[in-house]
C-alpha cells in the first residue's frame, strides 16, 4: 500500500520501504507562480528550478530494506 498526501508546501510519500517529505513549489511564489521553475533558452533548453522549493531539503526515513535479489532492469 502506498500513500501520497500533499501537506502545505510538502509532499508526504509513505510506503513499506520509506517515509519521505519533499518540498513542493509554492503557489504564491512571485518568480515561478507555482510552476516550480522556468525554461532557459539555449542550444539545449532545460528547466531552471525555482528557489521556493529547490533550496529546501527533503527528509527521508528508511523503514524496510529493499531486497538485494530484485533486479534493477526489466527481464527482457
N, C-alpha and C. Protein backbone atom coordinates (compact mmCIF):
# COMPACT_ATOMS: atom_id res chain seq x y z
N UNK A 1 0.85 -1.18 0.00
CA UNK A 1 0.00 0.00 0.00
C UNK A 1 0.88 1.24 0.00
N UNK A 2 0.54 2.20 -0.81
CA UNK A 2 1.32 3.42 -0.93
C UNK A 2 0.41 4.61 -0.68
N UNK A 3 0.90 5.59 0.08
CA UNK A 3 0.11 6.78 0.41
C UNK A 3 0.91 8.01 0.02
N UNK A 4 0.28 8.93 -0.73
CA UNK A 4 0.90 10.20 -1.05
C UNK A 4 -0.10 11.29 -0.68
N UNK A 5 0.29 12.20 0.22
CA UNK A 5 -0.61 13.24 0.72
C UNK A 5 0.08 14.59 0.62
N UNK A 6 -0.55 15.59 -0.03
CA UNK A 6 0.06 16.92 -0.01
C UNK A 6 -0.14 17.57 1.36
N UNK A 7 0.93 18.09 1.93
CA UNK A 7 0.89 18.74 3.24
C UNK A 7 1.50 20.12 3.08
N UNK A 8 0.70 21.16 3.12
CA UNK A 8 1.12 22.55 2.99
C UNK A 8 2.06 22.70 1.79
N UNK A 9 3.35 22.91 2.03
CA UNK A 9 4.31 23.06 0.94
C UNK A 9 5.22 21.84 0.86
N UNK A 10 4.74 20.71 1.38
CA UNK A 10 5.50 19.47 1.34
C UNK A 10 4.61 18.37 0.77
N UNK A 11 5.24 17.37 0.18
CA UNK A 11 4.52 16.18 -0.26
C UNK A 11 4.99 15.03 0.61
N UNK A 12 4.05 14.31 1.20
CA UNK A 12 4.35 13.17 2.04
C UNK A 12 4.16 11.91 1.22
N UNK A 13 5.19 11.08 1.16
CA UNK A 13 5.14 9.80 0.47
C UNK A 13 5.48 8.73 1.49
N UNK A 14 4.62 7.73 1.61
CA UNK A 14 4.88 6.66 2.57
C UNK A 14 4.54 5.32 1.94
N UNK A 15 5.44 4.40 2.02
CA UNK A 15 5.19 3.01 1.64
C UNK A 15 5.97 2.13 2.61
N UNK A 16 6.05 0.86 2.32
CA UNK A 16 6.68 -0.04 3.28
C UNK A 16 8.18 0.13 3.37
N UNK A 17 8.80 0.83 2.42
CA UNK A 17 10.25 0.98 2.40
C UNK A 17 10.74 2.32 2.94
N UNK A 18 9.89 3.36 2.90
CA UNK A 18 10.35 4.67 3.33
C UNK A 18 9.18 5.61 3.64
N UNK A 19 9.50 6.64 4.41
CA UNK A 19 8.63 7.79 4.60
C UNK A 19 9.44 8.97 4.11
N UNK A 20 8.86 9.76 3.22
CA UNK A 20 9.61 10.83 2.58
C UNK A 20 8.78 12.11 2.52
N UNK A 21 9.39 13.21 2.94
CA UNK A 21 8.79 14.54 2.84
C UNK A 21 9.62 15.34 1.85
N UNK A 22 8.98 15.77 0.75
CA UNK A 22 9.68 16.55 -0.27
C UNK A 22 9.01 17.92 -0.40
N UNK A 23 9.80 18.95 -0.65
CA UNK A 23 9.21 20.28 -0.84
C UNK A 23 8.48 20.37 -2.18
N UNK A 24 7.44 21.20 -2.23
CA UNK A 24 6.69 21.47 -3.45
C UNK A 24 6.82 22.95 -3.78
N UNK A 25 6.64 23.32 -5.05
CA UNK A 25 6.65 24.74 -5.39
C UNK A 25 5.49 25.47 -4.71
N UNK A 26 5.74 26.69 -4.30
CA UNK A 26 4.70 27.49 -3.64
C UNK A 26 3.85 28.19 -4.69
N UNK A 27 2.54 28.09 -4.54
CA UNK A 27 1.63 28.75 -5.49
C UNK A 27 1.74 30.27 -5.42
N UNK A 28 2.15 30.78 -4.28
CA UNK A 28 2.23 32.23 -4.10
C UNK A 28 3.60 32.80 -4.47
N UNK A 29 4.48 32.00 -5.05
CA UNK A 29 5.83 32.47 -5.40
C UNK A 29 5.75 33.50 -6.53
N UNK A 30 6.33 34.68 -6.37
CA UNK A 30 6.27 35.69 -7.44
C UNK A 30 7.16 35.36 -8.63
N UNK A 31 8.16 34.49 -8.44
CA UNK A 31 9.07 34.17 -9.54
C UNK A 31 8.50 33.11 -10.48
N UNK A 32 8.05 31.99 -9.93
CA UNK A 32 7.58 30.89 -10.79
C UNK A 32 6.06 30.74 -10.82
N UNK A 33 5.36 31.43 -9.92
CA UNK A 33 3.89 31.37 -9.84
C UNK A 33 3.36 29.94 -9.67
N UNK A 34 4.12 29.14 -8.92
CA UNK A 34 3.68 27.78 -8.62
C UNK A 34 4.09 26.73 -9.63
N UNK A 35 4.77 27.12 -10.70
CA UNK A 35 5.18 26.15 -11.72
C UNK A 35 6.44 25.38 -11.31
N UNK A 36 7.20 25.89 -10.37
CA UNK A 36 8.40 25.21 -9.91
C UNK A 36 9.67 25.62 -10.62
N UNK A 37 9.55 26.43 -11.66
CA UNK A 37 10.74 26.87 -12.39
C UNK A 37 10.36 27.47 -13.73
N UNK A 38 11.35 27.64 -14.58
CA UNK A 38 11.12 28.22 -15.90
C UNK A 38 12.15 27.63 -16.85
N UNK A 39 11.83 27.72 -18.14
CA UNK A 39 12.70 27.18 -19.17
C UNK A 39 13.76 28.20 -19.55
N UNK A 40 15.00 27.74 -19.64
CA UNK A 40 16.12 28.58 -20.02
C UNK A 40 16.44 28.27 -21.48
N UNK A 41 16.47 29.31 -22.31
CA UNK A 41 16.75 29.11 -23.73
C UNK A 41 18.23 28.83 -23.95
N UNK A 42 18.50 28.29 -25.09
CA UNK A 42 19.88 27.98 -25.46
C UNK A 42 19.89 26.83 -26.43
N UNK A 43 21.05 26.30 -26.70
CA UNK A 43 21.13 25.17 -27.63
C UNK A 43 20.48 23.92 -27.05
N UNK A 44 20.56 23.76 -25.74
CA UNK A 44 19.89 22.65 -25.05
C UNK A 44 18.99 23.25 -23.97
N UNK A 45 17.73 23.57 -24.31
CA UNK A 45 16.87 24.18 -23.29
C UNK A 45 16.62 23.22 -22.13
N UNK A 46 16.71 23.73 -20.93
CA UNK A 46 16.42 22.94 -19.75
C UNK A 46 15.69 23.80 -18.73
N UNK A 47 15.07 23.13 -17.78
CA UNK A 47 14.28 23.84 -16.79
C UNK A 47 15.15 24.27 -15.62
N UNK A 48 15.07 25.54 -15.28
CA UNK A 48 15.77 26.10 -14.13
C UNK A 48 14.82 26.01 -12.93
N UNK A 49 15.25 25.36 -11.87
CA UNK A 49 14.40 25.19 -10.69
C UNK A 49 14.34 26.49 -9.89
N UNK A 50 13.16 26.80 -9.40
CA UNK A 50 12.95 28.00 -8.59
C UNK A 50 13.41 27.71 -7.16
N UNK A 51 13.91 28.73 -6.50
CA UNK A 51 14.39 28.58 -5.13
C UNK A 51 13.31 28.38 -4.09
N UNK A 52 12.03 28.60 -4.47
CA UNK A 52 10.96 28.43 -3.49
C UNK A 52 10.80 26.98 -3.05
N UNK A 53 11.32 26.04 -3.80
CA UNK A 53 11.27 24.64 -3.38
C UNK A 53 12.61 23.93 -3.51
N UNK A 54 13.47 24.35 -4.44
CA UNK A 54 14.71 23.61 -4.66
C UNK A 54 15.77 23.88 -3.60
N UNK A 55 15.66 24.99 -2.87
CA UNK A 55 16.63 25.30 -1.82
C UNK A 55 16.28 24.63 -0.49
N UNK A 56 15.10 24.03 -0.42
CA UNK A 56 14.70 23.36 0.82
C UNK A 56 15.07 21.89 0.75
N UNK A 57 15.37 21.30 1.88
CA UNK A 57 15.81 19.92 1.93
C UNK A 57 14.64 18.95 2.02
N UNK A 58 14.86 17.75 1.54
CA UNK A 58 13.89 16.67 1.67
C UNK A 58 14.30 15.81 2.86
N UNK A 59 13.32 15.19 3.49
CA UNK A 59 13.56 14.30 4.63
C UNK A 59 13.14 12.90 4.23
N UNK A 60 14.02 11.94 4.40
CA UNK A 60 13.72 10.55 4.04
C UNK A 60 14.08 9.65 5.21
N UNK A 61 13.10 8.83 5.63
CA UNK A 61 13.30 7.89 6.73
C UNK A 61 13.13 6.48 6.16
N UNK A 62 14.21 5.71 6.05
CA UNK A 62 14.08 4.34 5.54
C UNK A 62 13.42 3.44 6.58
N UNK A 63 12.56 2.54 6.12
CA UNK A 63 11.87 1.63 7.03
C UNK A 63 12.36 0.20 6.83
N UNK A 64 12.02 -0.43 5.72
CA UNK A 64 12.45 -1.79 5.43
C UNK A 64 13.51 -1.75 4.34
N UNK A 65 14.51 -2.58 4.42
CA UNK A 65 15.50 -2.61 3.33
C UNK A 65 14.88 -3.25 2.09
N UNK A 66 15.29 -2.77 0.94
CA UNK A 66 14.86 -3.37 -0.32
C UNK A 66 15.72 -4.60 -0.55
N UNK A 67 15.06 -5.70 -0.88
CA UNK A 67 15.79 -6.96 -1.03
C UNK A 67 16.80 -6.86 -2.17
N UNK A 68 17.98 -7.41 -1.96
CA UNK A 68 19.05 -7.35 -2.95
C UNK A 68 18.77 -8.25 -4.14
N UNK A 69 17.88 -9.20 -4.03
CA UNK A 69 17.58 -10.12 -5.10
C UNK A 69 16.75 -9.51 -6.22
N UNK A 70 16.22 -8.34 -6.02
CA UNK A 70 15.37 -7.72 -7.04
C UNK A 70 16.24 -7.13 -8.13
N UNK A 71 15.97 -7.44 -9.39
CA UNK A 71 16.77 -6.86 -10.48
C UNK A 71 16.39 -5.40 -10.72
N UNK A 72 17.38 -4.61 -11.12
CA UNK A 72 17.14 -3.20 -11.41
C UNK A 72 16.60 -2.97 -12.81
N UNK A 73 16.77 -3.96 -13.68
CA UNK A 73 16.35 -3.81 -15.07
C UNK A 73 15.23 -4.78 -15.38
N UNK A 74 14.44 -4.47 -16.41
CA UNK A 74 13.37 -5.40 -16.80
C UNK A 74 13.96 -6.75 -17.27
N UNK A 75 13.18 -7.82 -17.20
CA UNK A 75 13.72 -9.15 -17.51
C UNK A 75 13.95 -9.41 -19.00
N UNK A 76 13.58 -8.52 -19.87
CA UNK A 76 13.75 -8.76 -21.31
C UNK A 76 14.68 -7.78 -21.94
